[in-house]
């Protein structure tokens, strides 16, 4: 259930408003056409549960992924 995913994600993000903002941004970036938006949102919350989205080192990881995506496109 989505509530379990939200409470799991709240272990790494203390502020619910901030979690909402981060999840909406990540959902917009990760959403693929012809897939349900709900599935993408659940995937994002599941990733937040497993990792720390606000970690300082994650910014370098995001830049590396964006660079890889540019090369692939």
Protein backbone atom coordinates (compact mmCIF):
# COMPACT_ATOMS: atom_id res chain seq x y z
CA UNK A 1 0.00 0.00 0.00
CA UNK A 2 1.12 3.53 -0.65
CA UNK A 3 0.86 4.51 3.02
CA UNK A 4 3.56 1.94 3.84
CA UNK A 5 5.76 3.46 1.15
CA UNK A 6 5.19 6.96 2.52
CA UNK A 7 6.03 5.99 6.08
CA UNK A 8 9.11 4.17 4.83
CA UNK A 9 10.23 7.26 2.92
CA UNK A 10 9.66 9.44 5.98
CA UNK A 11 12.52 7.63 7.72
CA UNK A 12 14.95 9.56 5.49
CA UNK A 13 12.97 12.78 4.97
CA UNK A 14 11.61 14.27 8.18
CA UNK A 15 9.35 16.92 6.68
CA UNK A 16 6.21 15.65 4.93
CA UNK A 17 5.96 18.76 2.77
CA UNK A 18 9.54 18.30 1.62
CA UNK A 19 8.86 14.62 0.88
CA UNK A 20 5.90 15.65 -1.28
CA UNK A 21 8.01 18.15 -3.18
CA UNK A 22 10.87 15.70 -3.74
CA UNK A 23 8.51 12.90 -4.76
CA UNK A 24 6.67 15.07 -7.27
CA UNK A 25 9.93 16.26 -8.85
CA UNK A 26 11.30 12.73 -9.04
CA UNK A 27 8.03 11.40 -10.46
CA UNK A 28 8.07 13.99 -13.23
CA UNK A 29 11.65 13.10 -14.13
CA UNK A 30 11.24 9.31 -13.98
CA UNK A 31 7.81 8.97 -15.59
CA UNK A 32 7.75 7.08 -18.86
CA UNK A 33 5.01 7.48 -21.47
CA UNK A 34 2.39 4.74 -21.64
CA UNK A 35 2.83 3.85 -17.96
CA UNK A 36 0.58 4.69 -15.07
CA UNK A 37 1.54 7.73 -13.04
CA UNK A 38 0.58 5.85 -9.87
CA UNK A 39 3.15 3.14 -10.61
CA UNK A 40 5.87 5.73 -11.15
CA UNK A 41 4.96 7.44 -7.87
CA UNK A 42 5.09 4.14 -6.01
CA UNK A 43 8.50 3.40 -7.55
CA UNK A 44 9.81 6.80 -6.44
CA UNK A 45 8.57 6.30 -2.88
CA UNK A 46 10.11 2.85 -2.83
CA UNK A 47 13.44 4.33 -3.90
CA UNK A 48 13.17 6.97 -1.17
CA UNK A 49 12.57 4.20 1.35
CA UNK A 50 15.83 2.47 0.36
CA UNK A 51 18.07 5.51 -0.14
CA UNK A 52 18.59 8.95 1.34
CA UNK A 53 17.33 11.38 -1.34
CA UNK A 54 18.78 14.46 0.34
CA UNK A 55 22.29 13.08 0.79
CA UNK A 56 24.98 15.49 -0.45
CA UNK A 57 26.75 12.76 -2.40
CA UNK A 58 23.53 12.02 -4.31
CA UNK A 59 23.95 15.27 -6.25
CA UNK A 60 27.05 13.88 -7.93
CA UNK A 61 25.20 10.65 -8.70
CA UNK A 62 22.36 12.62 -10.30
CA UNK A 63 24.83 14.55 -12.43
CA UNK A 64 26.46 11.28 -13.56
CA UNK A 65 23.08 9.77 -14.47
CA UNK A 66 22.09 12.89 -16.41
CA UNK A 67 25.39 12.78 -18.27
CA UNK A 68 24.81 9.11 -19.15
CA UNK A 69 21.28 9.87 -20.34
CA UNK A 70 22.58 12.63 -22.60
CA UNK A 71 25.07 10.25 -24.14
CA UNK A 72 22.44 7.56 -24.66
CA UNK A 73 20.01 9.94 -26.32
